[in-house]
């Protein structure tokens, strides 16, 4: 087991692409759990990357201090409230408290906005917990009557046209009290635009997503991740069409004139 994760992405550039084949898996503190980080900050608990469960592996009892998203790529996770399966986005709202078990091998693309609290007897201190920024301390569920999970079949959400020809979106979450918007988008190409505010993150689920940055082409393959930093000018296109999940934490500024924001800001 490895106690410390080294940064996956350099911080000088403004567009980062991470292919799934190049991601480095690390065993977590409980048997059958592993993680591959694209970005993590153990001080704040923010995380973007992949989580893996072996058959019958469980996360351990934990408490979400902030919101968390997990798109199930394969398998599924079950807790006392039900099961989140492949093709669903599982959302854990702040205060959610549960233990999740995988009855099948499970792979998820996850983003955490804050730390996770684990019970004092959960795991070992010499390896990372399944969640970045984990804290081992006592906790109490403030709303035990509420479900710990909101599970949404992404493909069943209505697809709406946008101001960009050939690009549609399904809004998964526009959560009150937080800036980010989380839609799934399907597109062929869009005009150049500038990211403002804080980073824009995405996970490409299907086909190819091609992105340009400062005249250089960067290819994001299916299963890969892309992070666009504030102030970056970027244009996206796909020769075959693509589905991808995107979190946007600030509006975009279009370079070809006024246009509605793709994320609803």
Protein backbone atom coordinates (compact mmCIF):
# COMPACT_ATOMS: atom_id res chain seq x y z
CA UNK A 1 0.00 0.00 0.00
CA UNK A 2 1.10 3.54 -0.67
CA UNK A 3 0.53 6.23 1.90
CA UNK A 4 0.82 9.38 -0.21
CA UNK A 5 -0.44 10.14 -3.72
CA UNK A 6 1.84 12.26 -5.87
CA UNK A 7 0.16 14.92 -8.05
CA UNK A 8 -1.04 13.52 -11.36
CA UNK A 9 -1.22 16.84 -13.21
CA UNK A 10 1.35 19.59 -13.54
CA UNK A 11 0.15 23.05 -12.55
CA UNK A 12 1.84 25.26 -15.18
CA UNK A 13 -0.41 24.55 -18.15
CA UNK A 14 -4.05 25.56 -18.42
CA UNK A 15 -5.60 22.54 -20.16
CA UNK A 16 -4.91 19.09 -18.71
CA UNK A 17 -5.78 15.80 -20.37
CA UNK A 18 -5.57 12.47 -18.56
CA UNK A 19 -6.06 9.20 -20.47
CA UNK A 20 -7.57 6.38 -18.43
CA UNK A 21 -4.81 3.96 -19.49
CA UNK A 22 -2.17 6.27 -18.01
CA UNK A 23 -3.88 6.71 -14.66
CA UNK A 24 -2.04 5.33 -11.64
CA UNK A 25 -4.10 3.12 -9.34
CA UNK A 26 -3.38 3.08 -5.60
CA UNK A 27 -4.76 0.65 -3.03
CA UNK A 28 -6.98 2.25 -0.42
CA UNK A 29 -7.00 1.41 3.28
CA UNK A 30 -9.81 -1.17 3.05
CA UNK A 31 -9.45 -4.48 1.15
CA UNK A 32 -10.74 -4.43 -2.41
CA UNK A 33 -10.76 -0.64 -2.80
CA UNK A 34 -8.56 1.46 -5.05
CA UNK A 35 -8.45 4.95 -6.51
CA UNK A 36 -6.84 6.73 -9.46
CA UNK A 37 -6.67 10.50 -9.00
CA UNK A 38 -6.71 13.04 -11.78
CA UNK A 39 -6.79 15.85 -9.23
CA UNK A 40 -6.94 15.74 -5.46
CA UNK A 41 -6.38 18.17 -2.64
CA UNK A 42 -6.21 16.45 0.70
CA UNK A 43 -6.42 19.74 2.56
CA UNK A 44 -9.82 20.67 1.11
CA UNK A 45 -11.01 17.15 0.26
CA UNK A 46 -11.61 17.98 -3.42
CA UNK A 47 -11.14 15.01 -5.77
CA UNK A 48 -11.62 14.10 -9.43
CA UNK A 49 -10.81 10.62 -10.70
CA UNK A 50 -11.78 6.95 -10.71
CA UNK A 51 -12.80 4.68 -7.82
CA UNK A 52 -12.73 0.88 -8.01
CA UNK A 53 -14.44 -1.79 -5.87
CA UNK A 54 -13.83 -5.54 -5.93
CA UNK A 55 -16.75 -7.92 -5.41
CA UNK A 56 -18.06 -7.65 -1.82
CA UNK A 57 -15.79 -4.69 -1.01
CA UNK A 58 -17.35 -1.92 1.07
CA UNK A 59 -16.44 1.72 1.56
CA UNK A 60 -16.80 1.69 5.33
CA UNK A 61 -19.16 3.91 7.30
CA UNK A 62 -18.54 7.53 6.33
CA UNK A 63 -20.12 11.00 6.42
CA UNK A 64 -20.11 13.51 3.54
CA UNK A 65 -19.26 17.04 4.68
CA UNK A 66 -19.87 18.43 1.17
CA UNK A 67 -21.54 17.26 -2.03
CA UNK A 68 -20.14 14.27 -3.96
CA UNK A 69 -20.88 12.85 -7.43
CA UNK A 70 -20.19 9.33 -8.70
CA UNK A 71 -21.11 8.22 -12.21
CA UNK A 72 -21.20 4.42 -12.24
CA UNK A 73 -19.41 3.11 -15.32
CA UNK A 74 -19.91 -0.56 -14.46
CA UNK A 75 -21.25 -2.62 -11.56
CA UNK A 76 -23.13 -0.85 -8.79
CA UNK A 77 -23.11 0.19 -5.14
CA UNK A 78 -25.70 -0.67 -2.52
CA UNK A 79 -26.39 0.96 0.84
CA UNK A 80 -29.38 0.85 3.21
CA UNK A 81 -31.36 3.20 0.91
CA UNK A 82 -30.96 1.23 -2.33
CA UNK A 83 -28.61 0.57 -5.25
CA UNK A 84 -26.96 2.89 -7.75
CA UNK A 85 -26.14 1.02 -10.99
CA UNK A 86 -24.28 1.56 -14.25
CA UNK A 87 -25.50 4.58 -16.19
CA UNK A 88 -26.63 6.40 -13.04
CA UNK A 89 -25.15 9.47 -11.42
CA UNK A 90 -25.15 8.99 -7.66
CA UNK A 91 -25.21 12.27 -5.71
CA UNK A 92 -24.43 12.42 -1.99
CA UNK A 93 -25.65 15.68 -0.51
CA UNK A 94 -23.86 17.33 2.46
CA UNK A 95 -24.62 15.35 5.61
CA UNK A 96 -25.17 12.03 3.82
CA UNK A 97 -24.00 9.13 6.00
CA UNK A 98 -23.76 5.54 4.79
CA UNK A 99 -21.68 2.44 4.03
CA UNK A 100 -21.70 1.30 0.38
CA UNK A 101 -20.99 -2.27 -0.75
CA UNK A 102 -20.29 -3.61 -4.25
CA UNK A 103 -21.88 -6.98 -5.02
CA UNK A 104 -20.19 -6.86 -8.44
CA UNK A 105 -16.85 -5.39 -9.54
CA UNK A 106 -17.54 -1.66 -9.78
CA UNK A 107 -15.88 1.30 -11.49
CA UNK A 108 -16.95 4.92 -10.99
CA UNK A 109 -15.89 8.36 -12.15
CA UNK A 110 -16.15 10.57 -9.07
CA UNK A 111 -15.89 14.17 -8.01
CA UNK A 112 -15.87 15.28 -4.36
CA UNK A 113 -16.30 18.90 -3.31
CA UNK A 114 -15.19 18.41 0.27
CA UNK A 115 -13.79 16.01 2.88
CA UNK A 116 -15.27 12.73 4.09
CA UNK A 117 -15.39 11.72 7.75
CA UNK A 118 -14.71 8.08 8.69
CA UNK A 119 -15.44 6.38 11.98
CA UNK A 120 -12.31 6.00 14.15
CA UNK A 121 -12.13 2.23 13.59
CA UNK A 122 -12.32 2.52 9.78
CA UNK A 123 -9.15 1.31 8.06
CA UNK A 124 -5.48 1.96 8.60
CA UNK A 125 -3.63 5.25 8.82
CA UNK A 126 -0.78 4.12 6.52
CA UNK A 127 -2.84 4.14 3.30
CA UNK A 128 -5.24 6.61 1.72
CA UNK A 129 -8.92 6.16 2.33
CA UNK A 130 -11.16 5.68 -0.67
CA UNK A 131 -12.01 9.38 -0.55
CA UNK A 132 -9.50 12.22 -0.79
CA UNK A 133 -9.16 14.45 2.24
CA UNK A 134 -10.62 11.82 4.58
CA UNK A 135 -10.74 12.65 8.27
CA UNK A 136 -10.99 10.01 10.98
CA UNK A 137 -13.27 11.33 13.70
CA UNK A 138 -16.63 10.75 15.33
CA UNK A 139 -19.68 12.13 13.52
CA UNK A 140 -23.46 12.16 13.70
CA UNK A 141 -25.90 12.11 10.80
CA UNK A 142 -27.83 15.42 11.07
CA UNK A 143 -30.76 14.16 8.93
CA UNK A 144 -31.08 10.39 9.31
CA UNK A 145 -34.57 10.47 7.80
CA UNK A 146 -33.20 11.59 4.40
CA UNK A 147 -31.79 9.20 1.81
CA UNK A 148 -28.00 9.31 1.56
CA UNK A 149 -28.20 8.99 -2.23
CA UNK A 150 -29.86 10.71 -5.15
CA UNK A 151 -29.51 8.27 -8.08
CA UNK A 152 -30.29 9.58 -11.58
CA UNK A 153 -30.33 7.67 -14.88
CA UNK A 154 -28.51 10.20 -17.06
CA UNK A 155 -29.78 8.91 -20.42
CA UNK A 156 -33.40 9.24 -19.25
CA UNK A 157 -33.07 12.98 -18.69
CA UNK A 158 -34.49 15.17 -21.48
CA UNK A 159 -31.90 16.48 -23.93
CA UNK A 160 -32.28 20.18 -24.70
CA UNK A 161 -30.83 22.12 -27.61
CA UNK A 162 -28.33 24.88 -26.84
CA UNK A 163 -27.24 28.08 -28.57
CA UNK A 164 -24.49 26.05 -30.29
CA UNK A 165 -25.62 24.10 -33.35
CA UNK A 166 -25.18 20.35 -32.88
CA UNK A 167 -24.70 20.57 -29.12
CA UNK A 168 -27.36 19.41 -26.66
CA UNK A 169 -27.31 19.01 -22.90
CA UNK A 170 -29.01 17.13 -20.09
CA UNK A 171 -28.90 19.05 -16.82
CA UNK A 172 -28.14 16.60 -14.01
CA UNK A 173 -27.62 18.97 -11.10
CA UNK A 174 -27.74 22.72 -10.48
CA UNK A 175 -27.29 22.60 -6.76
CA UNK A 176 -28.36 25.44 -4.52
CA UNK A 177 -25.61 27.03 -2.49
CA UNK A 178 -22.90 25.94 -4.94
CA UNK A 179 -21.84 27.58 -8.20
CA UNK A 180 -21.09 24.51 -10.35
CA UNK A 181 -23.51 23.17 -12.95
CA UNK A 182 -23.33 19.51 -13.96
CA UNK A 183 -24.77 18.60 -17.36
CA UNK A 184 -24.09 15.78 -19.74
CA UNK A 185 -23.39 17.23 -23.17
CA UNK A 186 -23.40 15.76 -26.67
CA UNK A 187 -21.72 17.80 -29.38
CA UNK A 188 -19.87 17.91 -32.68
CA UNK A 189 -18.18 21.32 -32.31
CA UNK A 190 -18.54 24.64 -30.58
CA UNK A 191 -17.04 28.11 -31.07
CA UNK A 192 -14.01 29.36 -29.23
CA UNK A 193 -14.69 30.59 -25.72
CA UNK A 194 -12.84 31.58 -22.57
CA UNK A 195 -13.30 29.92 -19.18
CA UNK A 196 -13.62 32.41 -16.34
CA UNK A 197 -13.76 31.97 -12.57
CA UNK A 198 -12.63 28.57 -11.31
CA UNK A 199 -11.79 25.35 -13.18
CA UNK A 200 -14.01 23.46 -15.57
CA UNK A 201 -13.74 19.68 -15.32
CA UNK A 202 -15.08 16.90 -17.48
CA UNK A 203 -15.01 13.15 -18.04
CA UNK A 204 -15.46 11.86 -21.58
CA UNK A 205 -17.82 8.89 -21.50
CA UNK A 206 -18.22 8.00 -25.16
CA UNK A 207 -16.36 8.34 -28.46
CA UNK A 208 -13.82 11.16 -28.85
CA UNK A 209 -13.66 14.75 -27.71
CA UNK A 210 -11.04 16.92 -29.41
CA UNK A 211 -9.94 20.15 -27.73
CA UNK A 212 -7.67 22.94 -28.97
CA UNK A 213 -5.54 25.11 -26.71
CA UNK A 214 -3.29 27.93 -27.93
CA UNK A 215 -3.15 26.42 -31.41
CA UNK A 216 -2.31 22.93 -30.16
CA UNK A 217 -4.69 20.01 -30.56
CA UNK A 218 -5.35 17.84 -27.53
CA UNK A 219 -7.31 14.63 -27.82
CA UNK A 220 -9.52 13.33 -25.02
CA UNK A 221 -10.42 9.68 -25.52
CA UNK A 222 -13.39 7.80 -24.10
CA UNK A 223 -12.96 7.33 -20.37
CA UNK A 224 -10.46 10.18 -20.15
CA UNK A 225 -10.56 13.44 -18.19
CA UNK A 226 -9.97 17.06 -19.14
CA UNK A 227 -9.53 20.07 -16.85
CA UNK A 228 -9.68 23.64 -18.22
CA UNK A 229 -8.35 26.36 -15.94
CA UNK A 230 -9.79 29.89 -15.60
CA UNK A 231 -8.95 32.32 -18.39
CA UNK A 232 -8.14 29.62 -20.94
CA UNK A 233 -9.28 30.07 -24.54
CA UNK A 234 -10.49 26.73 -25.82
CA UNK A 235 -12.48 25.30 -28.74
CA UNK A 236 -13.98 21.81 -28.75
CA UNK A 237 -15.02 19.59 -31.62
CA UNK A 238 -15.61 15.92 -32.40
CA UNK A 239 -15.62 14.28 -35.80
CA UNK A 240 -18.01 11.52 -34.71
CA UNK A 241 -19.99 13.05 -31.88
CA UNK A 242 -19.27 12.63 -28.17
CA UNK A 243 -21.02 12.32 -24.83
CA UNK A 244 -19.26 13.80 -21.82
CA UNK A 245 -20.00 14.85 -18.26
CA UNK A 246 -18.95 18.38 -17.39
CA UNK A 247 -18.80 20.42 -14.19
CA UNK A 248 -18.59 24.17 -14.72
CA UNK A 249 -17.87 26.43 -11.78
CA UNK A 250 -18.19 29.75 -13.61
CA UNK A 251 -19.72 31.13 -16.82
CA UNK A 252 -17.93 31.20 -20.16
CA UNK A 253 -17.19 34.27 -22.24
CA UNK A 254 -17.85 33.64 -25.94
CA UNK A 255 -15.31 35.15 -28.31
CA UNK A 256 -17.67 35.38 -31.32
CA UNK A 257 -20.31 37.56 -29.67
CA UNK A 258 -23.15 37.31 -27.12
CA UNK A 259 -24.48 33.81 -26.56
CA UNK A 260 -26.31 31.96 -23.79
CA UNK A 261 -24.11 30.14 -21.32
CA UNK A 262 -24.02 26.38 -21.88
CA UNK A 263 -24.29 25.70 -18.15
CA UNK A 264 -27.11 28.09 -17.31
CA UNK A 265 -25.17 30.77 -15.45
